[in-house]
């Protein structure tokens, strides 16, 4: 069972590699898109200038009988 899964993984990785080598333009566009998306998210991400560093308080309710 493990060997079969390893062979399937190798086949999938080989197909991905072959496709990437066959269409380098698409790979380049995808890389640029990921980079631009990351830059955009970095710029719009809210930044907390003074983060809350107080300890977390957890209420605990106990009953005695």
Protein backbone atom coordinates (compact mmCIF):
# COMPACT_ATOMS: atom_id res chain seq x y z
CA UNK A 1 0.00 0.00 0.00
CA UNK A 2 2.81 2.46 0.86
CA UNK A 3 4.77 1.64 -2.27
CA UNK A 4 1.70 2.25 -4.47
CA UNK A 5 1.18 5.68 -2.88
CA UNK A 6 4.86 6.55 -3.40
CA UNK A 7 4.62 5.59 -7.06
CA UNK A 8 1.50 7.71 -7.51
CA UNK A 9 3.23 10.66 -5.84
CA UNK A 10 6.23 10.27 -8.14
CA UNK A 11 3.96 10.17 -11.20
CA UNK A 12 2.14 13.33 -10.11
CA UNK A 13 5.40 15.16 -9.42
CA UNK A 14 6.79 14.08 -12.79
CA UNK A 15 3.67 15.39 -14.55
CA UNK A 16 3.89 18.71 -12.73
CA UNK A 17 7.58 19.03 -13.61
CA UNK A 18 7.01 18.12 -17.26
CA UNK A 19 4.15 20.61 -17.54
CA UNK A 20 6.20 23.37 -15.91
CA UNK A 21 9.10 22.73 -18.30
CA UNK A 22 6.75 22.59 -21.28
CA UNK A 23 5.04 25.91 -20.46
CA UNK A 24 7.61 28.21 -18.82
CA UNK A 25 5.57 31.31 -19.63
CA UNK A 26 2.65 30.13 -17.52
CA UNK A 27 5.02 29.33 -14.66
CA UNK A 28 6.54 32.82 -14.89
CA UNK A 29 3.10 34.44 -14.89
CA UNK A 30 2.08 32.36 -11.86
CA UNK A 31 5.24 33.32 -9.96
CA UNK A 32 4.77 37.02 -10.74
CA UNK A 33 1.12 36.74 -9.67
CA UNK A 34 2.04 35.16 -6.34
CA UNK A 35 4.70 37.83 -5.71
CA UNK A 36 2.33 40.68 -6.58
CA UNK A 37 -0.40 39.15 -4.43
CA UNK A 38 2.03 38.90 -1.51
CA UNK A 39 3.13 42.51 -1.92
CA UNK A 40 -0.50 43.64 -2.05
CA UNK A 41 -1.43 41.69 1.08
CA UNK A 42 1.64 43.03 2.90
CA UNK A 43 0.58 46.59 2.10
CA UNK A 44 -3.08 46.21 3.15
CA UNK A 45 -2.46 44.03 6.21
CA UNK A 46 -3.40 45.87 9.41
CA UNK A 47 -0.49 46.51 11.74
CA UNK A 48 -1.00 46.85 15.47
CA UNK A 49 1.52 49.43 16.68
CA UNK A 50 1.09 48.42 20.31
CA UNK A 51 0.12 44.75 20.51
CA UNK A 52 -1.81 43.50 23.54
CA UNK A 53 0.78 41.74 25.69
CA UNK A 54 -1.39 41.28 28.77
CA UNK A 55 -1.81 37.69 29.96
CA UNK A 56 -4.92 35.87 28.84
CA UNK A 57 -7.45 35.55 31.65
CA UNK A 58 -9.55 32.38 31.58
CA UNK A 59 -12.52 32.24 33.95
CA UNK A 60 -12.82 28.94 35.82
CA UNK A 61 -16.04 28.03 37.61
CA UNK A 62 -15.83 25.32 40.26
CA UNK A 63 -18.56 23.89 42.46
CA UNK A 64 -18.03 21.99 45.67
CA UNK A 65 -20.46 19.46 47.14
